[in-house]
Amino acid sequence: MSQNKQILEYLENNPKGITPIEALWKFNCFRLAGRIYDIRSMLPRDKEIVTETETRNGKTYAKYILENKA
């Protein structure tokens, strides 16, 4: 299974989303932003991936969450 499919399946089953470090640990994915770019083009019109930023210990990083469009 490709990384894109693995990450999309993970997003579908984890409403809290995924961070780059989680993607590295779980899928050996070094470029999560690139995979999210690809996945966004695969999504049906009623779904979207939202990017949120989080800061922890002075470090800011992206978190990607799959949501239904309202």
N, C-alpha and C. Protein backbone atom coordinates (compact mmCIF):
# COMPACT_ATOMS: atom_id res chain seq x y z
N MET A 1 0.86 -1.18 0.00
CA MET A 1 0.00 0.00 0.00
C MET A 1 0.90 1.24 0.00
N SER A 2 0.53 2.23 -0.79
CA SER A 2 1.34 3.45 -0.88
C SER A 2 1.21 4.29 0.40
N GLN A 3 2.18 5.17 0.60
CA GLN A 3 2.11 6.07 1.76
C GLN A 3 0.85 6.92 1.71
N ASN A 4 0.47 7.39 0.53
CA ASN A 4 -0.73 8.22 0.43
C ASN A 4 -1.95 7.46 0.95
N LYS A 5 -2.11 6.22 0.54
CA LYS A 5 -3.26 5.43 0.98
C LYS A 5 -3.18 5.12 2.47
N GLN A 6 -1.99 4.83 2.96
CA GLN A 6 -1.82 4.56 4.39
C GLN A 6 -2.18 5.78 5.22
N ILE A 7 -1.71 6.94 4.80
CA ILE A 7 -1.98 8.18 5.55
C ILE A 7 -3.45 8.54 5.47
N LEU A 8 -4.07 8.40 4.30
CA LEU A 8 -5.49 8.68 4.17
C LEU A 8 -6.30 7.76 5.07
N GLU A 9 -5.98 6.48 5.09
CA GLU A 9 -6.69 5.53 5.96
C GLU A 9 -6.50 5.92 7.43
N TYR A 10 -5.30 6.33 7.79
CA TYR A 10 -5.04 6.77 9.16
C TYR A 10 -5.90 7.99 9.51
N LEU A 11 -5.97 8.96 8.60
CA LEU A 11 -6.78 10.15 8.84
C LEU A 11 -8.26 9.82 8.97
N GLU A 12 -8.73 8.86 8.19
CA GLU A 12 -10.14 8.45 8.27
C GLU A 12 -10.47 7.81 9.60
N ASN A 13 -9.49 7.16 10.22
CA ASN A 13 -9.72 6.44 11.48
C ASN A 13 -9.26 7.18 12.73
N ASN A 14 -8.64 8.35 12.55
CA ASN A 14 -8.12 9.12 13.68
C ASN A 14 -8.55 10.58 13.57
N PRO A 15 -9.65 10.93 14.22
CA PRO A 15 -10.17 12.29 14.10
C PRO A 15 -9.26 13.37 14.67
N LYS A 16 -8.26 13.00 15.46
CA LYS A 16 -7.32 14.00 16.00
C LYS A 16 -6.29 14.43 14.96
N GLY A 17 -6.18 13.68 13.85
CA GLY A 17 -5.27 14.07 12.78
C GLY A 17 -3.90 13.44 12.91
N ILE A 18 -2.97 13.98 12.13
CA ILE A 18 -1.60 13.46 12.10
C ILE A 18 -0.61 14.61 12.02
N THR A 19 0.52 14.43 12.68
CA THR A 19 1.60 15.41 12.65
C THR A 19 2.78 14.81 11.88
N PRO A 20 3.73 15.64 11.46
CA PRO A 20 4.88 15.10 10.74
C PRO A 20 5.66 14.04 11.52
N ILE A 21 5.80 14.20 12.82
CA ILE A 21 6.56 13.21 13.59
C ILE A 21 5.81 11.89 13.66
N GLU A 22 4.47 11.95 13.75
CA GLU A 22 3.68 10.71 13.74
C GLU A 22 3.82 10.00 12.39
N ALA A 23 3.80 10.77 11.31
CA ALA A 23 3.95 10.19 9.97
C ALA A 23 5.32 9.54 9.81
N LEU A 24 6.33 10.14 10.39
CA LEU A 24 7.67 9.56 10.33
C LEU A 24 7.71 8.24 11.08
N TRP A 25 7.17 8.22 12.29
CA TRP A 25 7.18 7.00 13.10
C TRP A 25 6.33 5.89 12.50
N LYS A 26 5.12 6.23 12.06
CA LYS A 26 4.17 5.22 11.61
C LYS A 26 4.40 4.74 10.18
N PHE A 27 4.80 5.66 9.29
CA PHE A 27 4.86 5.33 7.87
C PHE A 27 6.23 5.58 7.23
N ASN A 28 7.21 5.96 8.04
CA ASN A 28 8.55 6.29 7.53
C ASN A 28 8.45 7.39 6.45
N CYS A 29 7.58 8.34 6.69
CA CYS A 29 7.30 9.42 5.73
C CYS A 29 8.02 10.69 6.18
N PHE A 30 8.97 11.14 5.39
CA PHE A 30 9.74 12.33 5.73
C PHE A 30 9.10 13.61 5.19
N ARG A 31 8.17 13.50 4.24
CA ARG A 31 7.57 14.69 3.62
C ARG A 31 6.04 14.62 3.71
N LEU A 32 5.52 14.74 4.92
CA LEU A 32 4.07 14.65 5.11
C LEU A 32 3.34 15.72 4.31
N ALA A 33 3.86 16.93 4.25
CA ALA A 33 3.19 18.00 3.50
C ALA A 33 3.03 17.61 2.03
N GLY A 34 4.01 16.95 1.47
CA GLY A 34 3.93 16.49 0.08
C GLY A 34 2.87 15.41 -0.09
N ARG A 35 2.79 14.50 0.87
CA ARG A 35 1.77 13.45 0.81
C ARG A 35 0.37 14.05 0.97
N ILE A 36 0.22 15.04 1.86
CA ILE A 36 -1.08 15.69 2.06
C ILE A 36 -1.50 16.40 0.78
N TYR A 37 -0.56 17.03 0.10
CA TYR A 37 -0.85 17.69 -1.18
C TYR A 37 -1.44 16.68 -2.17
N ASP A 38 -0.81 15.51 -2.27
CA ASP A 38 -1.30 14.46 -3.16
C ASP A 38 -2.68 13.95 -2.74
N ILE A 39 -2.84 13.72 -1.43
CA ILE A 39 -4.10 13.17 -0.91
C ILE A 39 -5.25 14.13 -1.15
N ARG A 40 -5.01 15.42 -1.01
CA ARG A 40 -6.08 16.40 -1.23
C ARG A 40 -6.68 16.28 -2.63
N SER A 41 -5.88 15.95 -3.62
CA SER A 41 -6.40 15.81 -4.98
C SER A 41 -7.19 14.51 -5.15
N MET A 42 -7.04 13.57 -4.23
CA MET A 42 -7.74 12.29 -4.31
C MET A 42 -9.09 12.31 -3.58
N LEU A 43 -9.33 13.31 -2.74
CA LEU A 43 -10.51 13.33 -1.89
C LEU A 43 -11.78 13.63 -2.67
N PRO A 44 -12.90 13.05 -2.22
CA PRO A 44 -14.19 13.44 -2.80
C PRO A 44 -14.53 14.87 -2.38
N ARG A 45 -15.46 15.47 -3.07
CA ARG A 45 -15.81 16.88 -2.81
C ARG A 45 -16.37 17.15 -1.42
N ASP A 46 -16.89 16.13 -0.75
CA ASP A 46 -17.49 16.35 0.56
C ASP A 46 -16.49 16.23 1.71
N LYS A 47 -15.21 16.01 1.40
CA LYS A 47 -14.17 15.91 2.43
C LYS A 47 -13.07 16.91 2.15
N GLU A 48 -12.39 17.32 3.21
CA GLU A 48 -11.24 18.21 3.07
C GLU A 48 -10.24 17.93 4.18
N ILE A 49 -8.99 18.26 3.92
CA ILE A 49 -7.96 18.16 4.95
C ILE A 49 -7.63 19.57 5.40
N VAL A 50 -7.82 19.79 6.69
CA VAL A 50 -7.59 21.10 7.30
C VAL A 50 -6.21 21.08 7.95
N THR A 51 -5.47 22.16 7.79
CA THR A 51 -4.15 22.30 8.41
C THR A 51 -4.27 23.21 9.62
N GLU A 52 -3.85 22.70 10.75
CA GLU A 52 -3.79 23.50 11.97
C GLU A 52 -2.34 23.56 12.40
N THR A 53 -1.99 24.61 13.12
CA THR A 53 -0.63 24.67 13.66
C THR A 53 -0.70 24.51 15.17
N GLU A 54 0.28 23.82 15.69
CA GLU A 54 0.39 23.62 17.13
C GLU A 54 1.79 24.02 17.57
N THR A 55 1.90 24.46 18.79
CA THR A 55 3.21 24.80 19.36
C THR A 55 3.39 24.02 20.64
N ARG A 56 4.53 23.36 20.73
CA ARG A 56 4.87 22.61 21.93
C ARG A 56 6.36 22.75 22.18
N ASN A 57 6.71 23.08 23.39
CA ASN A 57 8.13 23.26 23.76
C ASN A 57 8.84 24.26 22.85
N GLY A 58 8.12 25.29 22.44
CA GLY A 58 8.72 26.32 21.61
C GLY A 58 8.83 25.96 20.13
N LYS A 59 8.35 24.80 19.75
CA LYS A 59 8.39 24.35 18.35
C LYS A 59 6.99 24.41 17.76
N THR A 60 6.87 24.96 16.57
CA THR A 60 5.59 25.04 15.87
C THR A 60 5.60 24.06 14.71
N TYR A 61 4.51 23.31 14.58
CA TYR A 61 4.42 22.31 13.52
C TYR A 61 2.97 22.21 13.04
N ALA A 62 2.80 21.60 11.88
CA ALA A 62 1.48 21.44 11.29
C ALA A 62 0.83 20.16 11.79
N LYS A 63 -0.49 20.19 11.82
CA LYS A 63 -1.29 19.02 12.12
C LYS A 63 -2.39 18.97 11.07
N TYR A 64 -2.57 17.82 10.44
CA TYR A 64 -3.54 17.67 9.36
C TYR A 64 -4.71 16.83 9.83
N ILE A 65 -5.93 17.35 9.60
CA ILE A 65 -7.15 16.70 10.07
C ILE A 65 -8.11 16.56 8.90
N LEU A 66 -8.67 15.35 8.75
CA LEU A 66 -9.66 15.09 7.70
C LEU A 66 -11.04 15.46 8.25
N GLU A 67 -11.75 16.31 7.53
CA GLU A 67 -13.08 16.77 7.96
C GLU A 67 -14.06 16.68 6.81
N ASN A 68 -15.33 16.57 7.19
CA ASN A 68 -16.41 16.66 6.23
C ASN A 68 -16.71 18.13 6.01
N LYS A 69 -16.95 18.51 4.76
CA LYS A 69 -17.32 19.90 4.46
C LYS A 69 -18.75 20.13 4.95
N ALA A 70 -18.98 21.29 5.49
CA ALA A 70 -20.32 21.63 6.00
C ALA A 70 -21.18 22.20 4.91
